Protein backbone atom coordinates (compact mmCIF):
# COMPACT_ATOMS: atom_id res chain seq x y z
CA MET A 1 -128.26 -52.44 62.22
CA ALA A 2 -126.38 -52.06 58.94
CA ASP A 3 -123.05 -50.26 58.99
CA ALA A 4 -122.89 -46.61 57.93
CA ALA A 5 -121.37 -47.24 54.48
CA SER A 6 -123.98 -49.81 53.46
CA ARG A 7 -126.83 -47.60 54.65
CA LEU A 8 -125.42 -44.59 52.84
CA LYS A 9 -124.93 -46.52 49.63
CA SER A 10 -128.46 -47.89 49.70
CA LEU A 11 -130.04 -44.55 50.52
CA VAL A 12 -128.02 -42.57 47.96
CA GLU A 13 -128.88 -45.07 45.22
CA GLN A 14 -132.56 -44.75 46.10
CA LEU A 15 -132.23 -40.97 45.94
CA LEU A 16 -130.38 -40.96 42.62
CA GLY A 17 -132.30 -43.79 41.05
CA ALA A 18 -129.06 -45.35 39.80
CA PRO A 19 -126.23 -47.58 41.12
CA LEU A 20 -123.42 -45.72 42.85
CA PRO A 21 -120.30 -46.36 40.72
CA VAL A 22 -117.77 -45.71 43.53
CA ARG A 23 -117.10 -47.29 46.90
CA ILE A 24 -118.18 -45.54 50.06
CA ARG A 25 -115.92 -45.60 53.12
CA ALA A 26 -117.69 -44.11 56.13
CA TRP A 27 -116.58 -42.56 59.42
CA ASP A 28 -117.08 -45.87 61.30
CA GLY A 29 -114.55 -47.63 59.04
CA SER A 30 -117.18 -49.56 57.08
CA GLN A 31 -117.06 -49.85 53.27
CA ALA A 32 -119.63 -50.65 50.60
CA GLY A 33 -119.63 -50.70 46.81
CA PRO A 34 -117.40 -52.01 44.01
CA PRO A 35 -114.18 -53.18 45.70
CA ASP A 36 -111.86 -52.10 42.85
CA ALA A 37 -113.43 -48.65 42.39
CA PRO A 38 -112.10 -45.43 43.91
CA ALA A 39 -113.60 -44.67 47.31
CA LEU A 40 -115.70 -41.70 48.35
CA VAL A 41 -114.51 -41.19 51.92
CA VAL A 42 -117.22 -39.73 54.17
CA HIS A 43 -115.27 -38.51 57.20
CA ASN A 44 -118.24 -37.51 59.35
CA ARG A 45 -122.01 -37.09 59.55
CA ARG A 46 -121.65 -33.40 58.68
CA ALA A 47 -120.92 -34.40 55.07
CA VAL A 48 -124.32 -36.10 54.89
CA ARG A 49 -126.04 -33.05 56.37
CA ARG A 50 -124.39 -30.85 53.74
CA LEU A 51 -125.80 -33.07 50.99
CA LEU A 52 -129.25 -33.10 52.57
CA TRP A 53 -129.40 -29.32 52.68
CA LYS A 54 -127.83 -28.84 49.24
CA PRO A 55 -128.33 -32.00 47.13
CA GLY A 56 -126.12 -32.21 44.09
CA GLU A 57 -122.96 -30.41 43.07
CA LEU A 58 -122.89 -27.56 45.60
CA GLY A 59 -123.44 -29.86 48.57
CA LEU A 60 -120.66 -32.16 47.39
CA ALA A 61 -118.40 -29.16 46.83
CA ARG A 62 -119.02 -27.79 50.31
CA ALA A 63 -118.24 -31.17 51.88
CA TRP A 64 -115.07 -31.47 49.76
CA VAL A 65 -113.78 -27.96 50.51
CA ALA A 66 -114.47 -28.35 54.25
CA GLY A 67 -112.60 -31.66 54.33
CA ASP A 68 -115.73 -33.63 55.30
CA LEU A 69 -115.48 -35.64 52.07
CA ASP A 70 -112.48 -37.00 50.22
CA ILE A 71 -111.54 -39.36 47.41
CA GLU A 72 -109.26 -42.33 47.97
CA GLY A 73 -107.63 -43.61 44.80
CA ASP A 74 -107.48 -42.09 41.33
CA LEU A 75 -109.12 -38.64 41.50
CA TYR A 76 -109.78 -38.51 37.76
CA ALA A 77 -111.32 -41.99 37.72
CA ALA A 78 -113.60 -41.12 40.63
CA LEU A 79 -114.76 -37.86 39.06
CA ASP A 80 -115.30 -39.61 35.74
CA LEU A 81 -117.44 -42.29 37.37
CA MET A 82 -119.51 -39.71 39.24
CA ALA A 83 -119.85 -37.27 36.34
CA GLU A 84 -123.01 -38.77 34.87
CA LEU A 85 -124.80 -38.60 38.21
CA VAL A 86 -123.60 -35.17 39.28
CA TRP A 87 -122.44 -33.06 36.33
CA GLU A 88 -123.90 -34.52 33.13
CA ARG A 89 -127.58 -34.81 33.94
CA GLY A 90 -128.07 -31.24 32.73
CA GLU A 91 -131.46 -30.38 31.28
CA ASP A 92 -132.77 -33.91 31.85
CA ALA A 93 -132.18 -33.86 35.63
CA ARG A 94 -135.15 -33.71 37.98
CA SER A 95 -135.30 -30.89 40.47
CA LEU A 96 -135.42 -31.73 44.20
CA PRO A 97 -139.14 -30.83 44.52
CA GLN A 98 -139.87 -33.18 41.61
CA MET A 99 -137.78 -35.93 43.20
CA LEU A 100 -139.55 -35.59 46.55
CA ARG A 101 -142.89 -36.43 44.94
CA ASP A 102 -141.57 -39.99 44.71
CA PRO A 103 -142.42 -41.94 47.94
CA GLU A 104 -139.21 -43.98 47.68
CA VAL A 105 -137.12 -40.81 47.43
CA ARG A 106 -138.88 -39.33 50.47
CA ALA A 107 -138.15 -42.52 52.40
CA ALA A 108 -134.50 -42.33 51.35
CA VAL A 109 -134.25 -38.73 52.54
CA ARG A 110 -135.75 -39.70 55.90
CA GLY A 111 -133.19 -42.49 56.14
CA LEU A 112 -130.34 -40.08 55.46
CA VAL A 113 -131.65 -37.75 58.16
CA LYS A 114 -131.48 -40.64 60.65
CA VAL A 115 -127.89 -41.43 59.60
CA ALA A 116 -126.80 -37.78 59.71
CA GLY A 117 -128.15 -36.95 63.14
CA LEU A 118 -129.66 -33.57 63.91
CA PRO A 119 -130.41 -32.03 60.48
CA LEU A 120 -129.11 -28.53 61.21
CA PRO A 121 -127.53 -26.86 58.16
CA PRO A 122 -123.72 -26.64 58.51
CA ALA A 123 -122.26 -23.23 57.68
CA PRO A 124 -120.69 -23.06 54.21
CA PRO A 125 -116.88 -23.11 54.13
CA ARG A 126 -115.35 -19.64 54.42
CA GLU A 127 -113.91 -19.97 50.90
CA GLU A 128 -117.42 -19.75 49.44
CA VAL A 129 -118.48 -16.49 47.82
CA ARG A 130 -122.04 -15.34 48.39
CA ARG A 131 -123.81 -15.75 45.06
CA VAL A 132 -125.46 -12.64 43.70
CA ARG A 133 -127.08 -11.72 40.43
CA HIS A 134 -124.45 -11.33 37.72
CA LEU A 135 -124.24 -7.54 37.34
CA HIS A 136 -120.76 -7.29 35.78
CA THR A 137 -120.28 -3.70 36.90
CA LYS A 138 -116.74 -2.43 37.25
CA ARG A 139 -116.98 -2.85 41.03
CA THR A 140 -118.35 -6.42 40.97
CA ASP A 141 -115.92 -7.49 38.24
CA LYS A 142 -113.00 -6.18 40.27
CA ARG A 143 -114.21 -8.06 43.35
CA ALA A 144 -114.64 -11.29 41.36
CA ILE A 145 -111.18 -11.02 39.79
CA SER A 146 -109.64 -10.34 43.20
CA HIS A 147 -111.27 -13.48 44.64
CA HIS A 148 -109.75 -15.68 41.95
CA TYR A 149 -106.36 -14.11 41.24
CA ASP A 150 -105.33 -12.53 44.54
CA VAL A 151 -104.74 -15.92 46.15
CA GLY A 152 -101.01 -15.28 46.31
CA ASN A 153 -98.40 -15.27 43.58
CA ASP A 154 -96.40 -17.96 45.37
CA PHE A 155 -99.38 -20.31 45.14
CA TYR A 156 -99.77 -19.67 41.41
CA GLU A 157 -96.04 -20.28 40.90
CA ILE A 158 -96.61 -23.80 42.27
CA VAL A 159 -99.55 -24.49 39.95
CA LEU A 160 -98.41 -22.77 36.74
CA GLY A 161 -94.70 -23.38 36.90
CA PRO A 162 -92.01 -20.98 35.57
CA SER A 163 -94.08 -19.81 32.57
CA MET A 164 -96.74 -18.20 34.83
CA VAL A 165 -99.31 -18.54 32.05
CA TYR A 166 -102.85 -19.24 33.29
CA SER A 167 -104.51 -20.28 30.05
CA CYS A 168 -104.46 -23.26 27.72
CA ALA A 169 -101.01 -24.25 26.47
CA TYR A 170 -100.34 -25.35 22.87
CA TRP A 171 -98.77 -28.80 22.90
CA PRO A 172 -96.44 -30.06 20.15
CA SER A 173 -96.84 -33.53 21.71
CA PRO A 174 -98.30 -34.89 24.97
CA ASP A 175 -94.84 -35.58 26.38
CA ALA A 176 -93.56 -32.01 25.91
CA THR A 177 -92.84 -29.87 28.93
CA LEU A 178 -95.47 -27.43 30.17
CA GLU A 179 -92.98 -24.59 29.70
CA GLN A 180 -92.41 -25.50 26.04
CA ALA A 181 -96.14 -25.80 25.40
CA GLN A 182 -96.82 -22.41 26.99
CA HIS A 183 -94.01 -20.82 24.99
CA ASP A 184 -95.56 -22.27 21.83
CA LYS A 185 -98.96 -20.84 22.80
CA LEU A 186 -97.54 -17.34 23.30
CA GLU A 187 -95.79 -17.60 19.95
CA LEU A 188 -98.98 -18.90 18.30
CA VAL A 189 -100.88 -15.84 19.55
CA CYS A 190 -98.20 -13.50 18.23
CA ARG A 191 -98.08 -15.25 14.84
CA LYS A 192 -101.82 -14.93 14.45
CA LEU A 193 -101.76 -11.25 15.39
CA GLY A 194 -98.74 -10.67 13.12
CA PRO A 195 -97.38 -7.49 14.76
CA THR A 196 -94.29 -5.78 13.37
CA PRO A 197 -91.58 -4.11 15.46
CA GLY A 198 -92.69 -0.80 16.93
CA GLN A 199 -96.42 -1.52 16.74
CA ARG A 200 -98.71 -1.29 19.77
CA LEU A 201 -100.32 -4.34 21.41
CA LEU A 202 -103.07 -4.13 24.02
CA ASP A 203 -103.15 -7.29 26.15
CA VAL A 204 -106.55 -7.40 27.87
CA GLY A 205 -106.35 -9.48 31.04
CA CYS A 206 -102.57 -9.66 30.97
CA GLY A 207 -102.17 -11.94 33.98
CA TRP A 208 -98.61 -12.11 35.26
CA GLY A 209 -97.22 -10.49 32.10
CA SER A 210 -96.01 -13.53 30.16
CA LEU A 211 -97.52 -12.62 26.77
CA ALA A 212 -96.56 -8.95 27.14
CA ILE A 213 -92.95 -9.91 27.84
CA HIS A 214 -92.84 -12.47 25.01
CA ALA A 215 -94.32 -10.07 22.46
CA ALA A 216 -91.97 -7.23 23.42
CA ARG A 217 -88.85 -9.39 23.59
CA GLU A 218 -89.44 -11.67 20.59
CA HIS A 219 -91.42 -9.35 18.27
CA GLY A 220 -90.26 -5.86 19.22
CA VAL A 221 -93.73 -4.47 19.95
CA HIS A 222 -94.78 -1.92 22.56
CA VAL A 223 -97.29 -3.51 24.95
CA VAL A 224 -99.90 -2.19 27.35
CA GLY A 225 -101.14 -4.99 29.60
CA ILE A 226 -104.21 -4.46 31.77
CA THR A 227 -105.51 -6.46 34.74
CA LEU A 228 -107.87 -5.86 37.66
CA SER A 229 -105.62 -7.77 40.07
CA HIS A 230 -103.13 -5.69 42.05
CA GLU A 231 -101.12 -8.83 42.92
CA GLN A 232 -100.80 -9.79 39.26
CA ALA A 233 -99.80 -6.26 38.27
CA ALA A 234 -97.07 -6.01 40.91
CA TYR A 235 -95.65 -9.39 39.88
CA ALA A 236 -95.81 -8.56 36.16
CA ARG A 237 -94.08 -5.18 36.64
CA LYS A 238 -91.21 -6.84 38.48
CA ARG A 239 -90.82 -9.41 35.71
CA VAL A 240 -90.83 -6.65 33.09
CA ALA A 241 -88.14 -4.76 35.01
CA ASP A 242 -86.05 -7.91 35.44
CA GLU A 243 -86.21 -8.46 31.66
CA GLY A 244 -85.12 -4.85 31.00
CA LEU A 245 -88.32 -4.12 29.08
CA THR A 246 -89.77 -1.17 31.00
CA ASP A 247 -89.36 1.03 27.90
CA ARG A 248 -91.61 -1.32 25.89
CA VAL A 249 -94.08 -2.83 28.38
CA GLU A 250 -96.53 -0.98 30.62
CA ILE A 251 -98.69 -2.90 33.10
CA ARG A 252 -101.83 -1.16 34.37
CA VAL A 253 -104.51 -1.97 36.91
CA GLN A 254 -107.37 -0.93 34.65
CA ASP A 255 -110.80 -2.06 33.46
CA TYR A 256 -111.04 -2.65 29.69
CA ARG A 257 -113.90 -0.14 29.63
CA ASP A 258 -111.57 2.60 30.85
CA VAL A 259 -108.83 2.24 28.22
CA ALA A 260 -108.83 5.48 26.21
CA ASP A 261 -105.42 5.68 24.52
CA GLY A 262 -106.14 3.83 21.28
CA PRO A 263 -105.77 3.07 18.53
CA TYR A 264 -103.76 -0.11 18.98
CA ASP A 265 -102.38 -2.11 16.09
CA VAL A 266 -103.30 -5.48 17.60
CA ILE A 267 -105.25 -6.66 20.66
CA SER A 268 -105.03 -9.94 22.54
CA SER A 269 -107.64 -11.18 24.98
CA ILE A 270 -106.53 -14.54 26.36
CA GLY A 271 -108.78 -16.25 28.89
CA MET A 272 -110.41 -12.98 29.93
CA ALA A 273 -113.73 -12.87 28.05
CA GLU A 274 -115.21 -15.57 30.32
CA HIS A 275 -115.43 -12.87 33.00
CA VAL A 276 -117.34 -10.38 30.84
CA GLY A 277 -120.84 -11.85 31.08
CA ALA A 278 -123.50 -12.40 28.42
CA ASP A 279 -125.23 -9.08 29.04
CA ARG A 280 -121.96 -7.15 28.65
CA TYR A 281 -120.38 -9.10 25.81
CA LEU A 282 -121.44 -6.80 22.98
CA GLU A 283 -120.16 -3.83 24.98
CA TYR A 284 -116.85 -5.67 25.46
CA ALA A 285 -116.56 -6.39 21.73
CA GLU A 286 -117.47 -2.82 20.78
CA ASN A 287 -114.85 -1.43 23.17
CA LEU A 288 -112.13 -3.58 21.62
CA HIS A 289 -113.31 -2.63 18.12
CA ARG A 290 -113.10 1.07 19.10
CA LEU A 291 -109.56 0.63 20.45
CA LEU A 292 -108.26 -1.11 17.31
CA ARG A 293 -107.04 0.74 14.25
CA PRO A 294 -108.66 -0.06 10.86
CA GLY A 295 -106.93 -3.18 9.58
CA GLY A 296 -105.87 -4.20 13.11
CA ARG A 297 -106.35 -7.73 14.42
CA LEU A 298 -107.96 -9.14 17.59
CA LEU A 299 -107.13 -12.58 18.97
CA ASN A 300 -109.88 -13.68 21.37
CA HIS A 301 -109.00 -16.90 23.23
CA GLN A 302 -112.04 -18.09 25.19
CA ILE A 303 -113.56 -21.15 26.85
CA GLY A 304 -116.92 -22.08 25.35
CA ARG A 305 -119.74 -24.40 26.38
CA ARG A 306 -122.07 -26.58 24.34
CA PRO A 307 -125.29 -24.80 23.27
CA GLN A 308 -128.49 -25.78 25.05
CA ARG A 309 -131.86 -26.55 23.53
CA ASP A 310 -133.25 -23.66 25.58
CA GLU A 311 -130.54 -21.04 26.05
CA SER A 312 -132.71 -19.11 28.52
CA ALA A 313 -132.38 -22.08 30.90
CA TYR A 314 -128.58 -21.77 31.07
CA ASP A 315 -127.31 -21.37 34.63
CA VAL A 316 -123.76 -20.89 35.82
CA ASP A 317 -122.10 -23.94 37.37
CA GLU A 318 -122.73 -23.70 41.13
CA PHE A 319 -119.31 -24.89 42.28
CA ILE A 320 -117.39 -22.69 39.84
CA ASP A 321 -119.52 -19.65 40.71
CA ALA A 322 -119.27 -20.11 44.47
CA TYR A 323 -115.61 -21.09 44.79
CA VAL A 324 -113.61 -20.43 41.62
CA PHE A 325 -114.83 -17.77 39.18
CA PRO A 326 -117.57 -15.68 40.78
CA ASP A 327 -119.70 -14.10 38.03
CA GLY A 328 -117.95 -16.10 35.30
CA GLU A 329 -120.14 -17.12 32.37
CA LEU A 330 -119.50 -19.37 29.40
CA ALA A 331 -121.07 -18.86 25.98
CA PRO A 332 -121.34 -21.16 22.95
CA LEU A 333 -118.79 -20.45 20.23
CA GLY A 334 -121.51 -19.38 17.79
CA THR A 335 -122.73 -16.72 20.22
CA THR A 336 -119.21 -15.34 20.65
CA VAL A 337 -118.63 -15.11 16.89
CA THR A 338 -122.01 -13.44 16.37
CA GLN A 339 -121.32 -10.80 19.01
CA LEU A 340 -117.90 -10.02 17.57
CA GLU A 341 -119.47 -9.61 14.13
CA ARG A 342 -122.24 -7.41 15.55
CA ALA A 343 -119.54 -5.15 17.00
CA GLY A 344 -118.10 -4.68 13.49
CA PHE A 345 -115.34 -7.30 13.37
CA GLU A 346 -114.74 -9.61 10.44
CA VAL A 347 -114.02 -13.07 11.82
CA ARG A 348 -111.21 -14.60 9.77
CA ASP A 349 -110.25 -17.77 11.62
CA VAL A 350 -111.57 -20.03 14.38
CA GLU A 351 -109.40 -22.75 15.88
CA SER A 352 -110.46 -25.19 18.58
CA ILE A 353 -107.65 -26.30 20.87
CA ARG A 354 -109.87 -28.24 23.28
CA GLU A 355 -107.61 -31.28 23.72
CA HIS A 356 -104.72 -28.97 24.61
CA TYR A 357 -106.56 -27.73 27.70
CA GLY A 358 -107.01 -31.23 29.09
CA LEU A 359 -103.24 -31.76 28.85
CA THR A 360 -102.59 -28.35 30.44
CA LEU A 361 -104.90 -28.90 33.39
CA ARG A 362 -103.46 -32.31 34.17
CA ARG A 363 -99.99 -30.75 34.38
CA TRP A 364 -101.30 -28.02 36.69
CA VAL A 365 -102.89 -30.65 38.96
CA ALA A 366 -99.62 -32.62 38.99
CA ASN A 367 -97.72 -29.45 39.94
CA LEU A 368 -100.16 -28.78 42.79
CA GLU A 369 -100.06 -32.34 44.09
CA ALA A 370 -96.23 -32.41 43.96
CA GLN A 371 -96.09 -29.51 46.43
CA TRP A 372 -99.34 -30.15 48.29
CA PRO A 373 -98.17 -29.35 51.86
CA ARG A 374 -96.66 -26.03 50.74
CA ALA A 375 -99.72 -25.18 48.65
CA MET A 376 -101.96 -25.71 51.70
CA ARG A 377 -99.72 -23.48 53.82
CA LEU A 378 -99.79 -20.70 51.21
CA ALA A 379 -103.47 -20.72 50.24
CA GLY A 380 -105.08 -22.60 53.12
CA PRO A 381 -106.35 -26.20 52.98
CA GLY A 382 -109.81 -25.24 51.73
CA ARG A 383 -108.57 -23.09 48.85
CA ALA A 384 -105.99 -25.71 47.84
CA ARG A 385 -108.76 -28.34 47.77
CA VAL A 386 -110.90 -26.03 45.62
CA TRP A 387 -108.15 -25.72 43.02
CA ARG A 388 -107.39 -29.44 42.93
CA LEU A 389 -111.04 -30.41 42.41
CA TYR A 390 -111.74 -27.60 39.94
CA MET A 391 -108.75 -28.31 37.72
CA ALA A 392 -109.19 -32.09 37.71
CA ALA A 393 -112.92 -31.82 36.92
CA CYS A 394 -112.23 -29.28 34.17
CA ALA A 395 -109.58 -31.54 32.60
CA LEU A 396 -112.22 -34.24 32.23
CA ALA A 397 -114.78 -31.74 30.92
CA PHE A 398 -112.42 -30.70 28.11
CA GLU A 399 -111.42 -34.28 27.33
CA HIS A 400 -115.06 -35.39 27.04
CA ASN A 401 -116.14 -32.37 24.96
CA ARG A 402 -118.44 -30.94 27.61
CA ILE A 403 -116.63 -27.62 27.19
CA GLY A 404 -114.08 -26.35 24.67
CA VAL A 405 -111.64 -23.53 24.11
CA ASN A 406 -111.37 -21.53 20.90
CA GLN A 407 -109.09 -18.92 19.40
CA VAL A 408 -111.05 -16.49 17.26
CA LEU A 409 -109.00 -14.21 14.99
CA ALA A 410 -110.90 -11.14 13.86
CA VAL A 411 -110.04 -7.99 11.92
CA ARG A 412 -111.38 -4.46 12.06
CA THR A 413 -111.64 -4.50 8.29
CA PRO A 414 -111.64 -0.98 6.76
CA ARG A 415 -114.33 0.29 4.40
CA ASP A 416 -112.30 -0.58 1.31
CA GLY A 417 -112.34 -4.25 2.34
CA GLY A 418 -108.56 -4.61 2.64
CA SER A 419 -108.21 -6.95 5.62
CA GLY A 420 -104.43 -7.18 5.43
CA MET A 421 -104.69 -10.97 5.78
CA PRO A 422 -102.57 -13.21 3.54
CA LEU A 423 -104.42 -15.36 1.02
CA ARG A 424 -103.25 -18.46 2.89
CA ALA A 425 -103.13 -17.46 6.52
CA ARG A 426 -102.77 -20.80 8.26
CA THR A 427 -98.99 -20.82 8.45
CA TRP A 428 -99.02 -20.35 12.24
CA GLY A 429 -99.70 -24.07 12.80
CA THR A 430 -96.11 -24.91 11.89
CA ASP A 431 -93.53 -25.75 14.54
CA PRO A 432 -92.39 -22.37 15.93
CA SER A 433 -89.14 -23.71 17.33
C-alpha cells in the first residue's frame, strides 16, 4: 500500500485537476511532491476530514487554525504556490456539485474517505464565528468589531509595534522602519485634510488613538475619535492622558450613525469603511456628509477589490468572514467613489497606495513571528495562527494586485462652488520629515 503522503498527493491532484505545487508531509512521516518546495504538513487524518466536509478555503482554514495542518518552509512561498488553486480560481472555479459529476473526482473523494477514516465532520475551531447574513445593524456591527479588535491590546502591541496603527503605512523606502512609515501615513492624512489650529476633526474608527494624538499634537486641532471597541477606547484614552492632550482629544465608544454634534471641519475614516457593508454604504456617506461643514474635507482610506464581471455574484471571503472580519465587505474603488458622490461629496483626489500595504503586512507578520510564544499565550494558539495566515495571505494579495487600498479625498463643496482646494493640491507627496 502506498504511503499516506503519496496517496494524498495523487488524490488531491485528481480532485483539483492540476499538479500540487507543494510537498506533502503526512502523519506517518512520508513525503511526496517537489523536494525543494515548501511542505504542507498534514499532522493527522482529521485535517483530511475537514477538507472532505468543507473543500476549498474554509476547510484549509479550519485545519490550519486547529493545528491539524501546517506549512514547513517559507510561508509566503507556500501561499503563493497554492494561491492559484485555492484563492485565484474565482468566477471560473467549479462548484463541488459540478466537480462530483466527474467520475474521476468521485473516485478521488472515495479514496480520501478511505485515507481519512470515519468521515464524521470535525467541529469547527472555537475561533470561528457563525456566519450570518450581513445585516450591519448597530448591534451586529458592534459584535463584529468586538470579535476582531477585542483580542487584547497586548497582542496588538506585538503585531503593530509602538505606533499602534492598524492600517496601511506610507513608506518612504522599503528599508524604512515601520514606525517612520506609520508616522508618515498619519502626516499624509493630516496634510490632505489640511486642518488649521483650533478646527474640529472627527476620526471615524479611531483605533488606539494614534491619528487623533498626532493631529492634536502636530496640527493643534480638537479631535473626537469614535470606536465600537471598549478595549481600544480604554487604551486610546490612557495614551491621550499620557500625552497631556485630554483638553483636545475625546475618545468615545460610539457608532458613526449616532454622532450628532457636528459640524466638523474635517473627517477622517481610515480602514473603517470596510466594516460598513454595501447595503449601508450610502447611509454611511450621507452621515459623514451631514456631519461636515460646507467646504470641509473627508479623507476615506479603504481597501478595495477588483470588480467582477457579475457584481451580484460577489461573496465575502470565507476565511476572512469566519475568522478575521465578520461582516466585512470589500467594494471596487469605482463603487466607493460613486456612493460618495451620490451622498453629495465632490471627489477631488484618489491615490492608490497598494504596494505600501504589502510592505506593512510583512512587517506585522515579522513582528508576530519574532514574539510567537508570547503571542500564543496572549491570544491563544488558534487566534495567533489566524492572524499569521491572514496577514501573510493579504500581503501577497496586495502585492499581486488582487486587492488594493485607496485614499479618496472628498469635499462637501458649498453651493457657490468654492471647494477651498488649492489649484495644485498634490504637495502632500513630498517628504514630510
